[in-house]
Structure formats: C-alpha cells, structure tokens
Amino acid sequence: MTNYRLQTEMEHIKPDNQEWFKNYVRQVLESNKPYHAKADYLGLSILEIQNKIDYLTADIQEMTALKKSLTQAKATALEATATVLAEYGIDRLDGTSISSITITPQKTKLKETLSILDSDALIELGYAKVVVTVDEEAVKEAMKTLESMDEIDRYTQVEVSKEITPARIKVNARRSSSNNQATELLKLVDSQEAA
C-alpha cells in the first residue's frame, strides 16, 4: 500500500472540519503539475483508501470466522474434557497455576414457543397492538388467568421444547497469582519434555 499525502489528509478529514482539506485539494489543482498527474493523484489517493477499507474488511471477516471457530472449539473442548473427567469420577482438579477445574453439571432449560393459530380471532378479542397484529405479550399474560385462557385457548398453541446444555468444565483462575499464564504453560511444557 502506498500512502500519498492527499490520502493521509483524506483519512483525517471530519465532516465538521473540511476547509483545510478543501484548501489542500485547491493547492493540488492550482499546482504546475500536468493535468493527468493531478487526476491520478486525486484518484489514486481515494483508491488507496478503498484498498485499506477492503483489506480491513477481509481481515475483519477472517477474524470473525476465526473467533467463531475458536469459540466453538473451546466449547467442544470444555464439554469433551467434562465427559472424560466424569468417566473417571472426577468433579474437581486442583492446580498450581490455576485454582481448579470443576465440572458444571448438565442443565435442562424448558422454552415455551407460542404459535398463533387464528390471528384474526385474537385481534377481535382485543389482543392487538397499534399496528393490526396480534400482541403476543398480551396473549401470554392473558393465558395466565383462567377466564382469559378459556377464550384464547382455541386460537393458540403452546409448545414446550427442551434445551440441554451439556456438562462442561470451568477453569477457575487464581485471584492472587501474579504469574503470567503463557510463562506458566511454557514451564509446564518444558518440564514434561525434560521428564
């Protein structure tokens, strides 16, 4: 990437403070350089900014994909380690650089999903927002009372689904440790190689 002076000026321009930049563009246009050189200078400066934007966009996409991959890998490693520790009947491992590794138990969470079977009927009953759509929050609230439940029940369906969060480990760092984690990991690897 090339950094032209005009490009640098462009990169620091602010919508509320453009006059100095406009003066610089005027200097370029009023210079004794050839006409095509002025056009190239202006155009290439803008293209270099676009190159930076494209480069950053590609980096952001790559980093986002890497973050997603690493997040998924970490979650998988936590679950797999918890499974292996549970096979051995271990629910806690104490460390020297870390406080401990513990297993969080598997959790089951119930999730309700409301399906509207007859929107028009619910709207006629008054369960609507300003825009003529069913007010699902009002329907959910109304379903908590017997009177309202009787009138609403035939127009709705409530499904309950299970969301299982598998057991995984939790690494509990030492609060008082001033050790650098990377240094400790290297020491551990070195000691294993020496053994």
N, C-alpha and C. Protein backbone atom coordinates (compact mmCIF):
# COMPACT_ATOMS: atom_id res chain seq x y z
N MET A 1 0.83 -1.18 0.00
CA MET A 1 0.00 0.00 0.00
C MET A 1 0.88 1.24 0.00
N THR A 2 0.45 2.21 -0.76
CA THR A 2 1.14 3.49 -0.83
C THR A 2 0.40 4.50 0.02
N ASN A 3 1.13 5.36 0.69
CA ASN A 3 0.49 6.42 1.46
C ASN A 3 0.81 7.77 0.82
N TYR A 4 -0.13 8.28 0.03
CA TYR A 4 0.01 9.61 -0.56
C TYR A 4 -0.35 10.64 0.50
N ARG A 5 0.22 11.82 0.38
CA ARG A 5 -0.09 12.87 1.36
C ARG A 5 -1.58 13.21 1.32
N LEU A 6 -2.14 13.28 0.10
CA LEU A 6 -3.57 13.57 -0.03
C LEU A 6 -4.40 12.48 0.66
N GLN A 7 -3.97 11.26 0.49
CA GLN A 7 -4.67 10.13 1.13
C GLN A 7 -4.63 10.30 2.65
N THR A 8 -3.49 10.65 3.19
CA THR A 8 -3.36 10.86 4.63
C THR A 8 -4.29 11.99 5.09
N GLU A 9 -4.34 13.06 4.28
CA GLU A 9 -5.24 14.18 4.60
C GLU A 9 -6.69 13.69 4.57
N MET A 10 -7.03 12.87 3.58
CA MET A 10 -8.40 12.35 3.47
C MET A 10 -8.76 11.48 4.67
N GLU A 11 -7.81 10.69 5.12
CA GLU A 11 -8.07 9.77 6.23
C GLU A 11 -8.38 10.50 7.53
N HIS A 12 -7.96 11.75 7.62
CA HIS A 12 -8.18 12.51 8.86
C HIS A 12 -9.24 13.59 8.72
N ILE A 13 -9.93 13.64 7.59
CA ILE A 13 -10.96 14.66 7.38
C ILE A 13 -12.18 14.35 8.25
N LYS A 14 -12.79 15.38 8.76
CA LYS A 14 -14.01 15.26 9.57
C LYS A 14 -15.12 16.05 8.90
N PRO A 15 -16.35 15.56 8.96
CA PRO A 15 -17.47 16.28 8.31
C PRO A 15 -17.61 17.73 8.75
N ASP A 16 -17.29 18.01 10.02
CA ASP A 16 -17.46 19.37 10.52
C ASP A 16 -16.21 20.23 10.38
N ASN A 17 -15.15 19.69 9.80
CA ASN A 17 -13.91 20.47 9.65
C ASN A 17 -13.25 20.10 8.31
N GLN A 18 -13.83 20.58 7.21
CA GLN A 18 -13.38 20.21 5.88
C GLN A 18 -12.55 21.29 5.19
N GLU A 19 -12.56 22.46 5.69
CA GLU A 19 -11.98 23.59 4.97
C GLU A 19 -10.49 23.41 4.69
N TRP A 20 -9.73 22.94 5.65
CA TRP A 20 -8.30 22.73 5.43
C TRP A 20 -8.05 21.70 4.33
N PHE A 21 -8.92 20.67 4.28
CA PHE A 21 -8.79 19.65 3.23
C PHE A 21 -9.11 20.25 1.86
N LYS A 22 -10.18 21.03 1.81
CA LYS A 22 -10.55 21.68 0.55
C LYS A 22 -9.40 22.58 0.06
N ASN A 23 -8.75 23.28 0.99
CA ASN A 23 -7.61 24.12 0.61
C ASN A 23 -6.47 23.28 0.03
N TYR A 24 -6.24 22.10 0.59
CA TYR A 24 -5.18 21.24 0.07
C TYR A 24 -5.52 20.77 -1.35
N VAL A 25 -6.80 20.41 -1.57
CA VAL A 25 -7.24 19.99 -2.92
C VAL A 25 -7.07 21.16 -3.89
N ARG A 26 -7.39 22.36 -3.44
CA ARG A 26 -7.19 23.55 -4.30
C ARG A 26 -5.71 23.71 -4.66
N GLN A 27 -4.82 23.49 -3.69
CA GLN A 27 -3.38 23.58 -3.96
C GLN A 27 -2.96 22.57 -5.02
N VAL A 28 -3.51 21.36 -4.92
CA VAL A 28 -3.19 20.32 -5.92
C VAL A 28 -3.66 20.77 -7.29
N LEU A 29 -4.89 21.27 -7.38
CA LEU A 29 -5.44 21.69 -8.67
C LEU A 29 -4.70 22.89 -9.25
N GLU A 30 -4.23 23.79 -8.39
CA GLU A 30 -3.55 25.01 -8.85
C GLU A 30 -2.04 24.80 -9.04
N SER A 31 -1.54 23.62 -8.74
CA SER A 31 -0.10 23.37 -8.89
C SER A 31 0.27 23.33 -10.38
N ASN A 32 1.56 23.34 -10.64
CA ASN A 32 2.02 23.34 -12.03
C ASN A 32 2.23 21.92 -12.57
N LYS A 33 1.72 20.93 -11.88
CA LYS A 33 1.82 19.54 -12.35
C LYS A 33 0.89 19.35 -13.55
N PRO A 34 1.19 18.36 -14.40
CA PRO A 34 0.32 18.10 -15.56
C PRO A 34 -1.09 17.70 -15.11
N TYR A 35 -2.04 17.98 -15.99
CA TYR A 35 -3.46 17.72 -15.73
C TYR A 35 -3.69 16.26 -15.33
N HIS A 36 -3.12 15.33 -16.09
CA HIS A 36 -3.34 13.91 -15.80
C HIS A 36 -2.70 13.49 -14.47
N ALA A 37 -1.60 14.12 -14.10
CA ALA A 37 -0.95 13.81 -12.83
C ALA A 37 -1.84 14.23 -11.66
N LYS A 38 -2.53 15.36 -11.81
CA LYS A 38 -3.45 15.82 -10.76
C LYS A 38 -4.60 14.82 -10.61
N ALA A 39 -5.14 14.36 -11.76
CA ALA A 39 -6.24 13.38 -11.73
C ALA A 39 -5.77 12.08 -11.08
N ASP A 40 -4.58 11.62 -11.48
CA ASP A 40 -4.05 10.38 -10.90
C ASP A 40 -3.85 10.52 -9.40
N TYR A 41 -3.31 11.65 -8.98
CA TYR A 41 -3.03 11.89 -7.56
C TYR A 41 -4.34 11.84 -6.75
N LEU A 42 -5.36 12.53 -7.23
CA LEU A 42 -6.65 12.53 -6.54
C LEU A 42 -7.26 11.12 -6.55
N GLY A 43 -7.29 10.50 -7.73
CA GLY A 43 -7.92 9.18 -7.88
C GLY A 43 -7.20 8.09 -7.11
N LEU A 44 -5.85 8.08 -7.23
CA LEU A 44 -5.10 7.04 -6.53
C LEU A 44 -5.18 7.19 -5.02
N SER A 45 -5.28 8.40 -4.52
CA SER A 45 -5.43 8.61 -3.08
C SER A 45 -6.73 7.99 -2.60
N ILE A 46 -7.79 8.21 -3.34
CA ILE A 46 -9.09 7.62 -2.98
C ILE A 46 -9.05 6.10 -3.10
N LEU A 47 -8.42 5.60 -4.19
CA LEU A 47 -8.33 4.15 -4.37
C LEU A 47 -7.52 3.49 -3.26
N GLU A 48 -6.48 4.16 -2.77
CA GLU A 48 -5.69 3.60 -1.68
C GLU A 48 -6.50 3.52 -0.40
N ILE A 49 -7.36 4.50 -0.17
CA ILE A 49 -8.25 4.43 1.00
C ILE A 49 -9.20 3.24 0.83
N GLN A 50 -9.73 3.06 -0.39
CA GLN A 50 -10.61 1.92 -0.65
C GLN A 50 -9.86 0.61 -0.46
N ASN A 51 -8.58 0.56 -0.88
CA ASN A 51 -7.77 -0.64 -0.66
C ASN A 51 -7.65 -0.95 0.82
N LYS A 52 -7.45 0.08 1.64
CA LYS A 52 -7.36 -0.12 3.09
C LYS A 52 -8.69 -0.64 3.63
N ILE A 53 -9.79 -0.06 3.16
CA ILE A 53 -11.12 -0.49 3.61
C ILE A 53 -11.33 -1.96 3.24
N ASP A 54 -10.98 -2.33 1.99
CA ASP A 54 -11.14 -3.71 1.54
C ASP A 54 -10.27 -4.66 2.35
N TYR A 55 -9.03 -4.23 2.61
CA TYR A 55 -8.10 -5.04 3.39
C TYR A 55 -8.64 -5.26 4.80
N LEU A 56 -9.12 -4.18 5.42
CA LEU A 56 -9.67 -4.29 6.77
C LEU A 56 -10.93 -5.14 6.79
N THR A 57 -11.77 -4.99 5.76
CA THR A 57 -12.99 -5.79 5.68
C THR A 57 -12.65 -7.27 5.61
N ALA A 58 -11.66 -7.61 4.78
CA ALA A 58 -11.25 -9.01 4.66
C ALA A 58 -10.67 -9.51 5.99
N ASP A 59 -9.87 -8.67 6.65
CA ASP A 59 -9.30 -9.05 7.95
C ASP A 59 -10.40 -9.26 8.99
N ILE A 60 -11.38 -8.38 9.00
CA ILE A 60 -12.47 -8.49 9.96
C ILE A 60 -13.25 -9.77 9.73
N GLN A 61 -13.52 -10.09 8.44
CA GLN A 61 -14.24 -11.33 8.13
C GLN A 61 -13.43 -12.55 8.56
N GLU A 62 -12.12 -12.50 8.29
CA GLU A 62 -11.26 -13.61 8.67
C GLU A 62 -11.20 -13.75 10.18
N MET A 63 -11.08 -12.62 10.88
CA MET A 63 -11.01 -12.66 12.33
C MET A 63 -12.34 -13.11 12.95
N THR A 64 -13.45 -12.69 12.33
CA THR A 64 -14.76 -13.11 12.81
C THR A 64 -14.92 -14.62 12.66
N ALA A 65 -14.50 -15.15 11.50
CA ALA A 65 -14.57 -16.59 11.27
C ALA A 65 -13.66 -17.33 12.25
N LEU A 66 -12.46 -16.80 12.49
CA LEU A 66 -11.54 -17.42 13.43
C LEU A 66 -12.11 -17.39 14.84
N LYS A 67 -12.69 -16.26 15.22
CA LYS A 67 -13.29 -16.14 16.55
C LYS A 67 -14.40 -17.18 16.72
N LYS A 68 -15.25 -17.31 15.70
CA LYS A 68 -16.35 -18.27 15.76
C LYS A 68 -15.80 -19.70 15.88
N SER A 69 -14.77 -20.00 15.08
CA SER A 69 -14.16 -21.32 15.11
C SER A 69 -13.52 -21.61 16.46
N LEU A 70 -12.78 -20.63 17.00
CA LEU A 70 -12.14 -20.82 18.30
C LEU A 70 -13.16 -20.94 19.42
N THR A 71 -14.24 -20.16 19.35
CA THR A 71 -15.30 -20.24 20.36
C THR A 71 -15.93 -21.62 20.35
N GLN A 72 -16.19 -22.14 19.15
CA GLN A 72 -16.79 -23.47 19.02
C GLN A 72 -15.80 -24.54 19.49
N ALA A 73 -14.52 -24.38 19.14
CA ALA A 73 -13.50 -25.35 19.57
C ALA A 73 -13.38 -25.36 21.09
N LYS A 74 -13.40 -24.17 21.70
CA LYS A 74 -13.30 -24.08 23.16
C LYS A 74 -14.50 -24.77 23.81
N ALA A 75 -15.71 -24.50 23.30
CA ALA A 75 -16.91 -25.11 23.87
C ALA A 75 -16.84 -26.63 23.75
N THR A 76 -16.39 -27.12 22.60
CA THR A 76 -16.27 -28.56 22.39
C THR A 76 -15.23 -29.16 23.34
N ALA A 77 -14.10 -28.46 23.51
CA ALA A 77 -13.06 -28.95 24.41
C ALA A 77 -13.55 -28.98 25.86
N LEU A 78 -14.32 -27.97 26.27
CA LEU A 78 -14.85 -27.94 27.63
C LEU A 78 -15.79 -29.12 27.87
N GLU A 79 -16.66 -29.39 26.88
CA GLU A 79 -17.62 -30.49 27.02
C GLU A 79 -16.91 -31.84 26.98
N ALA A 80 -15.95 -32.02 26.06
CA ALA A 80 -15.24 -33.29 25.94
C ALA A 80 -14.44 -33.58 27.21
N THR A 81 -13.78 -32.55 27.74
CA THR A 81 -13.00 -32.73 28.97
C THR A 81 -13.91 -33.08 30.13
N ALA A 82 -15.06 -32.44 30.22
CA ALA A 82 -16.02 -32.75 31.28
C ALA A 82 -16.48 -34.20 31.18
N THR A 83 -16.71 -34.67 29.96
CA THR A 83 -17.14 -36.06 29.76
C THR A 83 -16.07 -37.03 30.25
N VAL A 84 -14.81 -36.77 29.88
CA VAL A 84 -13.71 -37.66 30.28
C VAL A 84 -13.52 -37.62 31.80
N LEU A 85 -13.55 -36.42 32.40
CA LEU A 85 -13.39 -36.33 33.84
C LEU A 85 -14.52 -37.08 34.56
N ALA A 86 -15.74 -36.96 34.03
CA ALA A 86 -16.88 -37.66 34.63
C ALA A 86 -16.71 -39.17 34.52
N GLU A 87 -16.12 -39.66 33.42
CA GLU A 87 -15.86 -41.09 33.26
C GLU A 87 -14.97 -41.61 34.38
N TYR A 88 -14.04 -40.77 34.83
CA TYR A 88 -13.12 -41.14 35.90
C TYR A 88 -13.66 -40.78 37.29
N GLY A 89 -14.86 -40.23 37.34
CA GLY A 89 -15.47 -39.86 38.62
C GLY A 89 -14.84 -38.62 39.23
N ILE A 90 -14.21 -37.80 38.42
CA ILE A 90 -13.56 -36.59 38.91
C ILE A 90 -14.50 -35.41 38.71
N ASP A 91 -14.76 -34.67 39.77
CA ASP A 91 -15.58 -33.47 39.61
C ASP A 91 -14.79 -32.19 39.89
N ARG A 92 -13.51 -32.37 40.32
CA ARG A 92 -12.67 -31.20 40.58
C ARG A 92 -11.21 -31.61 40.50
N LEU A 93 -10.42 -30.77 39.81
CA LEU A 93 -8.97 -30.94 39.77
C LEU A 93 -8.33 -29.65 40.25
N ASP A 94 -7.46 -29.74 41.23
CA ASP A 94 -6.77 -28.55 41.74
C ASP A 94 -5.45 -28.40 41.01
N GLY A 95 -5.07 -27.16 40.73
CA GLY A 95 -3.82 -26.89 40.04
C GLY A 95 -2.91 -26.01 40.86
N THR A 96 -1.75 -25.70 40.30
CA THR A 96 -0.83 -24.78 40.97
C THR A 96 -0.90 -23.40 40.33
N SER A 97 -0.97 -23.35 39.01
CA SER A 97 -1.08 -22.06 38.33
C SER A 97 -2.52 -21.57 38.29
N ILE A 98 -3.43 -22.51 38.24
CA ILE A 98 -4.86 -22.17 38.32
C ILE A 98 -5.38 -22.70 39.64
N SER A 99 -6.48 -22.16 40.08
CA SER A 99 -7.06 -22.63 41.34
C SER A 99 -7.57 -24.05 41.16
N SER A 100 -8.46 -24.24 40.17
CA SER A 100 -9.03 -25.57 39.97
C SER A 100 -9.79 -25.64 38.66
N ILE A 101 -10.11 -26.86 38.30
CA ILE A 101 -11.01 -27.13 37.18
C ILE A 101 -12.18 -27.87 37.79
N THR A 102 -13.39 -27.36 37.58
CA THR A 102 -14.58 -28.02 38.11
C THR A 102 -15.53 -28.32 36.97
N ILE A 103 -16.42 -29.28 37.20
CA ILE A 103 -17.41 -29.63 36.20
C ILE A 103 -18.72 -28.96 36.56
N THR A 104 -19.28 -28.22 35.62
CA THR A 104 -20.63 -27.69 35.82
C THR A 104 -21.58 -28.76 35.32
N PRO A 105 -22.59 -29.09 36.10
CA PRO A 105 -23.48 -30.19 35.69
C PRO A 105 -24.32 -29.82 34.46
N GLN A 106 -24.79 -30.86 33.79
CA GLN A 106 -25.67 -30.67 32.63
C GLN A 106 -26.94 -29.98 33.09
N LYS A 107 -27.43 -29.05 32.28
CA LYS A 107 -28.64 -28.31 32.63
C LYS A 107 -29.69 -28.53 31.54
N THR A 108 -30.93 -28.55 31.95
CA THR A 108 -32.03 -28.63 31.01
C THR A 108 -32.91 -27.41 31.22
N LYS A 109 -33.16 -26.70 30.14
CA LYS A 109 -33.97 -25.49 30.22
C LYS A 109 -35.19 -25.68 29.33
N LEU A 110 -36.36 -25.41 29.85
CA LEU A 110 -37.58 -25.50 29.07
C LEU A 110 -37.85 -24.16 28.41
N LYS A 111 -38.24 -24.21 27.18
CA LYS A 111 -38.51 -23.00 26.43
C LYS A 111 -39.91 -23.10 25.82
N GLU A 112 -40.72 -22.10 26.10
CA GLU A 112 -42.08 -22.07 25.55
C GLU A 112 -42.09 -21.30 24.24
N THR A 113 -42.80 -21.84 23.26
CA THR A 113 -42.97 -21.17 21.98
C THR A 113 -44.46 -21.04 21.73
N LEU A 114 -44.93 -19.83 21.59
CA LEU A 114 -46.34 -19.57 21.34
C LEU A 114 -46.58 -19.51 19.85
N SER A 115 -47.53 -20.31 19.37
CA SER A 115 -47.91 -20.27 17.95
C SER A 115 -49.33 -19.73 17.87
N ILE A 116 -49.51 -18.72 17.06
CA ILE A 116 -50.84 -18.14 16.86
C ILE A 116 -51.54 -18.93 15.77
N LEU A 117 -52.67 -19.53 16.11
CA LEU A 117 -53.41 -20.34 15.14
C LEU A 117 -54.44 -19.51 14.38
N ASP A 118 -55.01 -18.49 15.04
CA ASP A 118 -56.01 -17.65 14.38
C ASP A 118 -55.80 -16.20 14.82
N SER A 119 -54.99 -15.48 14.05
CA SER A 119 -54.67 -14.09 14.37
C SER A 119 -55.90 -13.21 14.39
N ASP A 120 -56.76 -13.37 13.42
CA ASP A 120 -57.94 -12.52 13.32
C ASP A 120 -58.84 -12.64 14.55
N ALA A 121 -59.03 -13.84 15.04
CA ALA A 121 -59.87 -14.04 16.21
C ALA A 121 -59.26 -13.37 17.44
N LEU A 122 -57.95 -13.47 17.59
CA LEU A 122 -57.29 -12.83 18.74
C LEU A 122 -57.35 -11.31 18.62
N ILE A 123 -57.25 -10.79 17.42
CA ILE A 123 -57.35 -9.34 17.21
C ILE A 123 -58.75 -8.87 17.57
N GLU A 124 -59.77 -9.65 17.18
CA GLU A 124 -61.16 -9.29 17.51
C GLU A 124 -61.39 -9.30 19.02
N LEU A 125 -60.66 -10.16 19.74
CA LEU A 125 -60.79 -10.21 21.19
C LEU A 125 -60.04 -9.07 21.88
N GLY A 126 -59.30 -8.27 21.10
CA GLY A 126 -58.61 -7.10 21.65
C GLY A 126 -57.13 -7.29 21.90
N TYR A 127 -56.58 -8.42 21.51
CA TYR A 127 -55.15 -8.66 21.70
C TYR A 127 -54.40 -8.21 20.45
N ALA A 128 -54.29 -6.89 20.33
CA ALA A 128 -53.63 -6.31 19.16
C ALA A 128 -52.84 -5.09 19.58
N LYS A 129 -51.81 -4.81 18.82
CA LYS A 129 -51.03 -3.59 19.02
C LYS A 129 -51.57 -2.53 18.09
N VAL A 130 -50.96 -1.34 18.11
CA VAL A 130 -51.43 -0.24 17.28
C VAL A 130 -51.47 -0.67 15.81
N VAL A 131 -50.41 -1.29 15.35
CA VAL A 131 -50.44 -1.90 14.03
C VAL A 131 -51.28 -3.14 14.21
N VAL A 132 -52.10 -3.45 13.28
CA VAL A 132 -53.04 -4.55 13.47
C VAL A 132 -52.32 -5.89 13.33
N THR A 133 -51.70 -6.30 14.43
CA THR A 133 -51.09 -7.62 14.56
C THR A 133 -51.40 -8.11 15.96
N VAL A 134 -51.26 -9.37 16.17
CA VAL A 134 -51.52 -9.95 17.48
C VAL A 134 -50.45 -9.49 18.46
N ASP A 135 -50.89 -9.05 19.64
CA ASP A 135 -49.97 -8.67 20.71
C ASP A 135 -49.65 -9.94 21.50
N GLU A 136 -48.55 -10.59 21.10
CA GLU A 136 -48.21 -11.87 21.70
C GLU A 136 -47.93 -11.75 23.20
N GLU A 137 -47.34 -10.64 23.62
CA GLU A 137 -47.07 -10.45 25.05
C GLU A 137 -48.38 -10.40 25.84
N ALA A 138 -49.37 -9.70 25.29
CA ALA A 138 -50.67 -9.62 25.97
C ALA A 138 -51.35 -10.99 25.99
N VAL A 139 -51.22 -11.75 24.92
CA VAL A 139 -51.80 -13.09 24.87
C VAL A 139 -51.13 -13.98 25.92
N LYS A 140 -49.80 -13.90 26.03
CA LYS A 140 -49.09 -14.71 27.04
C LYS A 140 -49.54 -14.35 28.45
N GLU A 141 -49.68 -13.06 28.71
CA GLU A 141 -50.14 -12.60 30.03
C GLU A 141 -51.57 -13.08 30.30
N ALA A 142 -52.43 -12.96 29.29
CA ALA A 142 -53.83 -13.34 29.46
C ALA A 142 -53.97 -14.84 29.71
N MET A 143 -53.09 -15.62 29.15
CA MET A 143 -53.16 -17.07 29.31
C MET A 143 -52.85 -17.51 30.74
N LYS A 144 -52.40 -16.59 31.56
CA LYS A 144 -52.09 -16.92 32.95
C LYS A 144 -53.35 -16.92 33.83
N THR A 145 -54.45 -16.38 33.31
CA THR A 145 -55.69 -16.37 34.07
C THR A 145 -56.68 -17.34 33.43
N LEU A 146 -57.52 -17.94 34.26
CA LEU A 146 -58.46 -18.94 33.77
C LEU A 146 -59.51 -18.35 32.82
N GLU A 147 -60.02 -17.16 33.16
CA GLU A 147 -61.07 -16.56 32.32
C GLU A 147 -60.56 -16.31 30.90
N SER A 148 -59.41 -15.68 30.82
CA SER A 148 -58.85 -15.36 29.51
C SER A 148 -58.38 -16.61 28.79
N MET A 149 -57.90 -17.57 29.54
CA MET A 149 -57.40 -18.81 28.93
C MET A 149 -58.50 -19.51 28.15
N ASP A 150 -59.72 -19.50 28.72
CA ASP A 150 -60.83 -20.17 28.04
C ASP A 150 -61.14 -19.55 26.69
N GLU A 151 -61.09 -18.22 26.60
CA GLU A 151 -61.41 -17.57 25.33
C GLU A 151 -60.25 -17.63 24.32
N ILE A 152 -59.04 -17.73 24.80
CA ILE A 152 -57.86 -17.69 23.93
C ILE A 152 -57.43 -19.08 23.49
N ASP A 153 -57.67 -20.06 24.33
CA ASP A 153 -57.11 -21.40 24.15
C ASP A 153 -57.33 -21.98 22.75
N ARG A 154 -58.50 -21.81 22.19
CA ARG A 154 -58.77 -22.43 20.88
C ARG A 154 -58.04 -21.73 19.73
N TYR A 155 -57.45 -20.55 19.98
CA TYR A 155 -56.76 -19.80 18.93
C TYR A 155 -55.24 -19.86 19.05
N THR A 156 -54.77 -20.55 20.06
CA THR A 156 -53.33 -20.61 20.28
C THR A 156 -52.88 -22.04 20.54
N GLN A 157 -51.59 -22.20 20.50
CA GLN A 157 -50.99 -23.49 20.83
C GLN A 157 -49.65 -23.18 21.49
N VAL A 158 -49.42 -23.79 22.63
CA VAL A 158 -48.16 -23.59 23.34
C VAL A 158 -47.34 -24.87 23.24
N GLU A 159 -46.12 -24.70 22.74
CA GLU A 159 -45.21 -25.85 22.65
C GLU A 159 -44.09 -25.64 23.65
N VAL A 160 -43.69 -26.70 24.30
CA VAL A 160 -42.58 -26.64 25.23
C VAL A 160 -41.46 -27.48 24.65
N SER A 161 -40.30 -26.85 24.51
CA SER A 161 -39.14 -27.58 23.99
C SER A 161 -38.06 -27.58 25.05
N LYS A 162 -37.20 -28.58 24.97
CA LYS A 162 -36.12 -28.72 25.93
C LYS A 162 -34.82 -28.27 25.28
N GLU A 163 -34.07 -27.47 26.00
CA GLU A 163 -32.75 -27.06 25.54
C GLU A 163 -31.75 -27.59 26.55
N ILE A 164 -30.90 -28.52 26.10
CA ILE A 164 -29.95 -29.15 27.01
C ILE A 164 -28.59 -28.51 26.83
N THR A 165 -28.05 -28.03 27.93
CA THR A 165 -26.68 -27.52 27.93
C THR A 165 -25.82 -28.61 28.52
N PRO A 166 -24.93 -29.20 27.70
CA PRO A 166 -24.13 -30.32 28.21
C PRO A 166 -23.19 -29.90 29.33
N ALA A 167 -22.78 -30.88 30.12
CA ALA A 167 -21.81 -30.61 31.19
C ALA A 167 -20.51 -30.15 30.56
N ARG A 168 -19.85 -29.25 31.24
CA ARG A 168 -18.56 -28.77 30.74
C ARG A 168 -17.70 -28.39 31.92
N ILE A 169 -16.42 -28.19 31.63
CA ILE A 169 -15.53 -27.81 32.73
C ILE A 169 -15.47 -26.30 32.84
N LYS A 170 -15.02 -25.87 34.00
CA LYS A 170 -14.81 -24.45 34.24
C LYS A 170 -13.42 -24.30 34.84
N VAL A 171 -12.60 -23.47 34.23
CA VAL A 171 -11.26 -23.23 34.74
C VAL A 171 -11.32 -22.04 35.67
N ASN A 172 -10.97 -22.28 36.93
CA ASN A 172 -11.02 -21.24 37.95
C ASN A 172 -9.61 -20.70 38.16
N ALA A 173 -9.35 -19.49 37.69
CA ALA A 173 -8.02 -18.90 37.81
C ALA A 173 -7.76 -18.46 39.24
N ARG A 174 -6.51 -18.46 39.62
CA ARG A 174 -6.13 -17.96 40.95
C ARG A 174 -6.27 -16.44 40.95
N ARG A 175 -6.84 -15.91 42.00
CA ARG A 175 -7.02 -14.46 42.09
C ARG A 175 -5.74 -13.76 42.50
N SER A 176 -4.95 -14.41 43.34
CA SER A 176 -3.77 -13.74 43.87
C SER A 176 -2.51 -14.02 43.05
N SER A 177 -2.63 -14.85 42.04
CA SER A 177 -1.45 -15.23 41.26
C SER A 177 -1.01 -14.08 40.37
N SER A 178 0.28 -13.75 40.43
CA SER A 178 0.81 -12.72 39.56
C SER A 178 1.57 -13.35 38.39
N ASN A 179 1.49 -14.69 38.29
CA ASN A 179 2.19 -15.41 37.22
C ASN A 179 1.54 -15.16 35.88
N ASN A 180 2.35 -15.08 34.87
CA ASN A 180 1.87 -14.94 33.51
C ASN A 180 1.44 -16.32 33.02
N GLN A 181 0.22 -16.47 32.51
CA GLN A 181 -0.29 -17.77 32.09
C GLN A 181 0.56 -18.39 31.01
N ALA A 182 0.99 -17.61 30.05
CA ALA A 182 1.80 -18.15 28.96
C ALA A 182 3.13 -18.67 29.49
N THR A 183 3.75 -17.95 30.41
CA THR A 183 5.02 -18.37 31.00
C THR A 183 4.84 -19.68 31.76
N GLU A 184 3.75 -19.78 32.52
CA GLU A 184 3.48 -20.99 33.28
C GLU A 184 3.26 -22.18 32.35
N LEU A 185 2.56 -21.97 31.25
CA LEU A 185 2.31 -23.03 30.29
C LEU A 185 3.62 -23.50 29.66
N LEU A 186 4.50 -22.56 29.32
CA LEU A 186 5.80 -22.91 28.76
C LEU A 186 6.64 -23.70 29.76
N LYS A 187 6.62 -23.31 31.03
CA LYS A 187 7.35 -24.03 32.06
C LYS A 187 6.84 -25.46 32.18
N LEU A 188 5.53 -25.61 32.13
CA LEU A 188 4.91 -26.93 32.22
C LEU A 188 5.33 -27.80 31.04
N VAL A 189 5.32 -27.25 29.84
CA VAL A 189 5.72 -28.00 28.65
C VAL A 189 7.19 -28.36 28.74
N ASP A 190 8.04 -27.42 29.17
CA ASP A 190 9.48 -27.68 29.32
C ASP A 190 9.72 -28.80 30.32
N SER A 191 9.00 -28.79 31.43
CA SER A 191 9.20 -29.82 32.45
C SER A 191 8.75 -31.19 31.95
N GLN A 192 7.72 -31.23 31.10
CA GLN A 192 7.26 -32.51 30.54
C GLN A 192 8.27 -33.05 29.54
N GLU A 193 8.90 -32.15 28.76
CA GLU A 193 9.90 -32.57 27.79
C GLU A 193 11.14 -33.09 28.48
N ALA A 194 11.50 -32.52 29.63
CA ALA A 194 12.68 -32.93 30.35
C ALA A 194 12.49 -34.30 31.01
N ALA A 195 11.24 -34.65 31.31
CA ALA A 195 10.96 -35.90 32.03
C ALA A 195 11.04 -37.12 31.15
